[in-house]
Amino acid sequence: MTQAVRQPRGLRALLNSDGKSHPVENTFTAATVVLGALAAVSSLWTGLHLLTSWSGLLGILTGAWGQFISATTGERFLLIIGLGASAFGFFLGMAHGGLFGGVIG
């Protein structure tokens, strides 16, 4: 009798769609998504421009490196989402005061 093949579901299946484990690539993906969410949410308050701009910049850098080393389409998909949120937060943070606004100069 033929056995049914179970397809793995969830975030782990999306990130490791080739069946191999990618701990470094998945870490960069998670960091980019978290930093992008932090940058996008903190951009709602103009007084948090230091947090917004720095988390956005770090999210852009980790997302760019994550794209460079990514192995699966799922990783690239989440990296683009995180990169977009990071860039959005970074640009609003720069518009509200920048990386060093009020601290230096």
N, C-alpha and C. Protein backbone atom coordinates (compact mmCIF):
# COMPACT_ATOMS: atom_id res chain seq x y z
N MET A 1 0.84 -1.17 0.00
CA MET A 1 0.00 0.00 0.00
C MET A 1 0.89 1.24 0.00
N THR A 2 0.51 2.18 -0.77
CA THR A 2 1.27 3.41 -0.86
C THR A 2 0.99 4.29 0.34
N GLN A 3 2.06 4.78 0.94
CA GLN A 3 1.92 5.65 2.11
C GLN A 3 1.83 7.11 1.66
N ALA A 4 1.03 7.86 2.36
CA ALA A 4 0.89 9.28 2.05
C ALA A 4 2.15 10.01 2.52
N VAL A 5 2.64 10.89 1.68
CA VAL A 5 3.80 11.69 2.03
C VAL A 5 3.31 12.96 2.70
N ARG A 6 3.80 13.21 3.89
CA ARG A 6 3.39 14.42 4.60
C ARG A 6 4.30 15.56 4.23
N GLN A 7 3.67 16.63 3.82
CA GLN A 7 4.41 17.84 3.50
C GLN A 7 4.60 18.65 4.78
N PRO A 8 5.83 19.00 5.14
CA PRO A 8 6.01 19.83 6.33
C PRO A 8 5.42 21.22 6.10
N ARG A 9 4.84 21.78 7.15
CA ARG A 9 4.22 23.10 7.05
C ARG A 9 4.81 24.01 8.10
N GLY A 10 4.63 25.28 7.89
CA GLY A 10 5.08 26.25 8.88
C GLY A 10 6.28 27.04 8.38
N LEU A 11 6.79 27.85 9.29
CA LEU A 11 7.89 28.74 8.95
C LEU A 11 9.17 27.97 8.63
N ARG A 12 9.44 26.91 9.38
CA ARG A 12 10.64 26.13 9.14
C ARG A 12 10.62 25.49 7.75
N ALA A 13 9.46 25.04 7.31
CA ALA A 13 9.33 24.46 5.98
C ALA A 13 9.53 25.53 4.90
N LEU A 14 9.10 26.75 5.19
CA LEU A 14 9.29 27.84 4.23
C LEU A 14 10.76 28.20 4.10
N LEU A 15 11.46 28.28 5.23
CA LEU A 15 12.86 28.68 5.21
C LEU A 15 13.77 27.57 4.71
N ASN A 16 13.46 26.33 5.00
CA ASN A 16 14.30 25.19 4.61
C ASN A 16 13.57 24.35 3.57
N SER A 17 13.13 24.97 2.50
CA SER A 17 12.32 24.27 1.50
C SER A 17 13.12 23.25 0.69
N ASP A 18 14.44 23.30 0.75
CA ASP A 18 15.24 22.31 0.05
C ASP A 18 15.55 21.08 0.90
N GLY A 19 15.03 21.04 2.12
CA GLY A 19 15.21 19.89 2.99
C GLY A 19 16.48 19.93 3.83
N LYS A 20 17.28 20.96 3.67
CA LYS A 20 18.52 21.09 4.44
C LYS A 20 18.36 22.20 5.48
N SER A 21 19.14 22.11 6.52
CA SER A 21 19.12 23.13 7.55
C SER A 21 20.07 24.27 7.17
N HIS A 22 19.60 25.52 7.36
CA HIS A 22 20.41 26.70 7.05
C HIS A 22 20.40 27.63 8.26
N PRO A 23 21.14 27.31 9.31
CA PRO A 23 21.05 28.12 10.53
C PRO A 23 21.55 29.55 10.37
N VAL A 24 22.61 29.76 9.64
CA VAL A 24 23.16 31.12 9.47
C VAL A 24 22.21 31.96 8.62
N GLU A 25 21.75 31.41 7.52
CA GLU A 25 20.85 32.14 6.64
C GLU A 25 19.53 32.45 7.34
N ASN A 26 19.02 31.48 8.11
CA ASN A 26 17.77 31.70 8.84
C ASN A 26 17.93 32.75 9.93
N THR A 27 19.11 32.81 10.54
CA THR A 27 19.38 33.83 11.55
C THR A 27 19.38 35.22 10.93
N PHE A 28 20.01 35.37 9.78
CA PHE A 28 20.00 36.66 9.10
C PHE A 28 18.58 37.03 8.68
N THR A 29 17.79 36.06 8.25
CA THR A 29 16.41 36.32 7.87
C THR A 29 15.60 36.80 9.07
N ALA A 30 15.71 36.10 10.18
CA ALA A 30 14.96 36.48 11.38
C ALA A 30 15.39 37.85 11.90
N ALA A 31 16.70 38.11 11.89
CA ALA A 31 17.20 39.40 12.36
C ALA A 31 16.69 40.53 11.48
N THR A 32 16.66 40.32 10.18
CA THR A 32 16.19 41.35 9.26
C THR A 32 14.70 41.63 9.47
N VAL A 33 13.92 40.60 9.64
CA VAL A 33 12.48 40.78 9.85
C VAL A 33 12.21 41.50 11.18
N VAL A 34 12.93 41.12 12.24
CA VAL A 34 12.74 41.75 13.54
C VAL A 34 13.18 43.22 13.50
N LEU A 35 14.34 43.48 12.91
CA LEU A 35 14.82 44.87 12.81
C LEU A 35 13.90 45.71 11.93
N GLY A 36 13.38 45.12 10.86
CA GLY A 36 12.45 45.84 10.00
C GLY A 36 11.16 46.17 10.71
N ALA A 37 10.65 45.23 11.49
CA ALA A 37 9.42 45.49 12.26
C ALA A 37 9.67 46.57 13.31
N LEU A 38 10.82 46.51 13.98
CA LEU A 38 11.16 47.52 14.98
C LEU A 38 11.28 48.89 14.34
N ALA A 39 11.94 48.98 13.20
CA ALA A 39 12.12 50.26 12.52
C ALA A 39 10.78 50.81 12.03
N ALA A 40 9.94 49.94 11.49
CA ALA A 40 8.65 50.41 10.96
C ALA A 40 7.72 50.87 12.08
N VAL A 41 7.67 50.13 13.17
CA VAL A 41 6.78 50.49 14.27
C VAL A 41 7.29 51.73 15.01
N SER A 42 8.58 51.80 15.25
CA SER A 42 9.11 52.96 15.98
C SER A 42 9.12 54.23 15.13
N SER A 43 8.92 54.10 13.83
CA SER A 43 8.86 55.30 12.99
C SER A 43 7.56 56.07 13.18
N LEU A 44 6.59 55.49 13.88
CA LEU A 44 5.33 56.19 14.13
C LEU A 44 5.50 57.34 15.11
N TRP A 45 6.56 57.32 15.92
CA TRP A 45 6.82 58.37 16.89
C TRP A 45 8.09 59.11 16.48
N THR A 46 7.97 60.43 16.27
CA THR A 46 9.11 61.20 15.78
C THR A 46 10.23 61.30 16.80
N GLY A 47 9.92 61.18 18.08
CA GLY A 47 10.93 61.27 19.11
C GLY A 47 11.85 60.05 19.17
N LEU A 48 11.45 58.97 18.52
CA LEU A 48 12.26 57.76 18.51
C LEU A 48 13.11 57.65 17.24
N HIS A 49 13.50 58.79 16.68
CA HIS A 49 14.21 58.75 15.40
C HIS A 49 15.56 58.08 15.51
N LEU A 50 16.22 58.12 16.67
CA LEU A 50 17.50 57.43 16.81
C LEU A 50 17.31 55.92 16.73
N LEU A 51 16.34 55.38 17.45
CA LEU A 51 16.04 53.96 17.39
C LEU A 51 15.59 53.55 15.99
N THR A 52 14.75 54.37 15.39
CA THR A 52 14.22 54.06 14.07
C THR A 52 15.32 54.02 13.02
N SER A 53 16.15 55.05 13.00
CA SER A 53 17.17 55.12 11.95
C SER A 53 18.25 54.06 12.14
N TRP A 54 18.67 53.81 13.37
CA TRP A 54 19.71 52.80 13.59
C TRP A 54 19.20 51.38 13.35
N SER A 55 17.99 51.07 13.80
CA SER A 55 17.45 49.73 13.54
C SER A 55 17.17 49.54 12.06
N GLY A 56 16.74 50.61 11.38
CA GLY A 56 16.55 50.51 9.94
C GLY A 56 17.85 50.28 9.20
N LEU A 57 18.89 51.00 9.61
CA LEU A 57 20.20 50.82 8.96
C LEU A 57 20.74 49.41 9.19
N LEU A 58 20.64 48.92 10.42
CA LEU A 58 21.11 47.55 10.70
C LEU A 58 20.27 46.52 9.96
N GLY A 59 18.97 46.76 9.85
CA GLY A 59 18.11 45.86 9.09
C GLY A 59 18.45 45.84 7.61
N ILE A 60 18.80 46.99 7.06
CA ILE A 60 19.21 47.04 5.65
C ILE A 60 20.51 46.27 5.45
N LEU A 61 21.46 46.45 6.36
CA LEU A 61 22.75 45.76 6.22
C LEU A 61 22.60 44.24 6.40
N THR A 62 21.86 43.81 7.41
CA THR A 62 21.69 42.36 7.60
C THR A 62 20.86 41.76 6.47
N GLY A 63 19.89 42.50 5.97
CA GLY A 63 19.09 42.01 4.85
C GLY A 63 19.88 41.89 3.56
N ALA A 64 20.77 42.86 3.33
CA ALA A 64 21.61 42.79 2.12
C ALA A 64 22.55 41.60 2.19
N TRP A 65 23.17 41.38 3.35
CA TRP A 65 24.06 40.23 3.48
C TRP A 65 23.26 38.92 3.43
N GLY A 66 22.08 38.92 4.01
CA GLY A 66 21.23 37.74 3.96
C GLY A 66 20.83 37.40 2.54
N GLN A 67 20.56 38.40 1.72
CA GLN A 67 20.26 38.15 0.30
C GLN A 67 21.46 37.56 -0.41
N PHE A 68 22.63 38.02 -0.02
CA PHE A 68 23.86 37.54 -0.67
C PHE A 68 24.10 36.06 -0.38
N ILE A 69 23.78 35.61 0.84
CA ILE A 69 24.07 34.22 1.20
C ILE A 69 22.84 33.33 1.25
N SER A 70 21.66 33.84 0.92
CA SER A 70 20.44 33.05 1.05
C SER A 70 20.47 31.84 0.13
N ALA A 71 19.76 30.78 0.58
CA ALA A 71 19.79 29.52 -0.15
C ALA A 71 18.43 29.12 -0.73
N THR A 72 17.34 29.63 -0.16
CA THR A 72 16.02 29.22 -0.62
C THR A 72 15.16 30.44 -0.96
N THR A 73 14.11 30.19 -1.70
CA THR A 73 13.19 31.24 -2.09
C THR A 73 12.44 31.81 -0.88
N GLY A 74 12.11 30.96 0.07
CA GLY A 74 11.42 31.43 1.27
C GLY A 74 12.24 32.42 2.06
N GLU A 75 13.54 32.15 2.17
CA GLU A 75 14.43 33.09 2.85
C GLU A 75 14.46 34.41 2.12
N ARG A 76 14.56 34.36 0.81
CA ARG A 76 14.60 35.60 0.02
C ARG A 76 13.30 36.39 0.14
N PHE A 77 12.18 35.68 0.19
CA PHE A 77 10.88 36.34 0.33
C PHE A 77 10.82 37.12 1.64
N LEU A 78 11.17 36.48 2.75
CA LEU A 78 11.12 37.15 4.04
C LEU A 78 12.17 38.25 4.15
N LEU A 79 13.31 38.05 3.50
CA LEU A 79 14.35 39.09 3.51
C LEU A 79 13.87 40.35 2.79
N ILE A 80 13.15 40.20 1.70
CA ILE A 80 12.65 41.37 0.98
C ILE A 80 11.60 42.10 1.82
N ILE A 81 10.75 41.36 2.51
CA ILE A 81 9.77 41.99 3.40
C ILE A 81 10.49 42.78 4.49
N GLY A 82 11.49 42.16 5.12
CA GLY A 82 12.26 42.83 6.17
C GLY A 82 13.05 44.01 5.66
N LEU A 83 13.62 43.87 4.46
CA LEU A 83 14.36 44.98 3.86
C LEU A 83 13.46 46.17 3.57
N GLY A 84 12.27 45.90 3.07
CA GLY A 84 11.33 46.99 2.79
C GLY A 84 10.92 47.73 4.06
N ALA A 85 10.62 46.97 5.12
CA ALA A 85 10.25 47.60 6.39
C ALA A 85 11.43 48.36 6.99
N SER A 86 12.64 47.81 6.87
CA SER A 86 13.83 48.48 7.39
C SER A 86 14.09 49.78 6.64
N ALA A 87 13.98 49.74 5.34
CA ALA A 87 14.21 50.95 4.54
C ALA A 87 13.16 52.01 4.83
N PHE A 88 11.90 51.59 4.98
CA PHE A 88 10.83 52.51 5.33
C PHE A 88 11.13 53.21 6.65
N GLY A 89 11.48 52.43 7.66
CA GLY A 89 11.81 53.00 8.96
C GLY A 89 13.05 53.86 8.92
N PHE A 90 14.06 53.40 8.18
CA PHE A 90 15.31 54.16 8.08
C PHE A 90 15.07 55.54 7.47
N PHE A 91 14.34 55.58 6.38
CA PHE A 91 14.11 56.86 5.71
C PHE A 91 13.26 57.80 6.56
N LEU A 92 12.26 57.28 7.25
CA LEU A 92 11.48 58.14 8.13
C LEU A 92 12.30 58.60 9.33
N GLY A 93 13.15 57.73 9.85
CA GLY A 93 14.04 58.12 10.94
C GLY A 93 15.01 59.20 10.51
N MET A 94 15.51 59.10 9.30
CA MET A 94 16.41 60.14 8.78
C MET A 94 15.66 61.45 8.59
N ALA A 95 14.41 61.38 8.17
CA ALA A 95 13.62 62.60 7.97
C ALA A 95 13.28 63.28 9.29
N HIS A 96 13.17 62.49 10.36
CA HIS A 96 12.80 63.06 11.65
C HIS A 96 13.98 63.49 12.51
N GLY A 97 15.19 63.27 12.07
CA GLY A 97 16.33 63.72 12.88
C GLY A 97 17.62 63.00 12.58
N GLY A 98 17.55 61.86 11.96
CA GLY A 98 18.76 61.18 11.53
C GLY A 98 19.41 60.29 12.57
N LEU A 99 20.59 59.81 12.23
CA LEU A 99 21.32 58.88 13.06
C LEU A 99 21.89 59.51 14.32
N PHE A 100 22.25 60.78 14.22
CA PHE A 100 22.87 61.46 15.36
C PHE A 100 22.13 62.75 15.72
N GLY A 101 20.93 62.95 15.24
CA GLY A 101 20.21 64.20 15.42
C GLY A 101 20.05 64.63 16.87
N GLY A 102 20.65 65.75 17.20
CA GLY A 102 20.56 66.30 18.54
C GLY A 102 21.61 65.77 19.51
N VAL A 103 22.26 64.66 19.16
CA VAL A 103 23.27 64.09 20.05
C VAL A 103 24.64 64.65 19.70
N ILE A 104 24.95 64.70 18.42
CA ILE A 104 26.22 65.25 17.93
C ILE A 104 25.90 66.44 17.04
N GLY A 105 26.51 67.55 17.29
CA GLY A 105 26.32 68.73 16.43
C GLY A 105 25.17 69.48 16.87
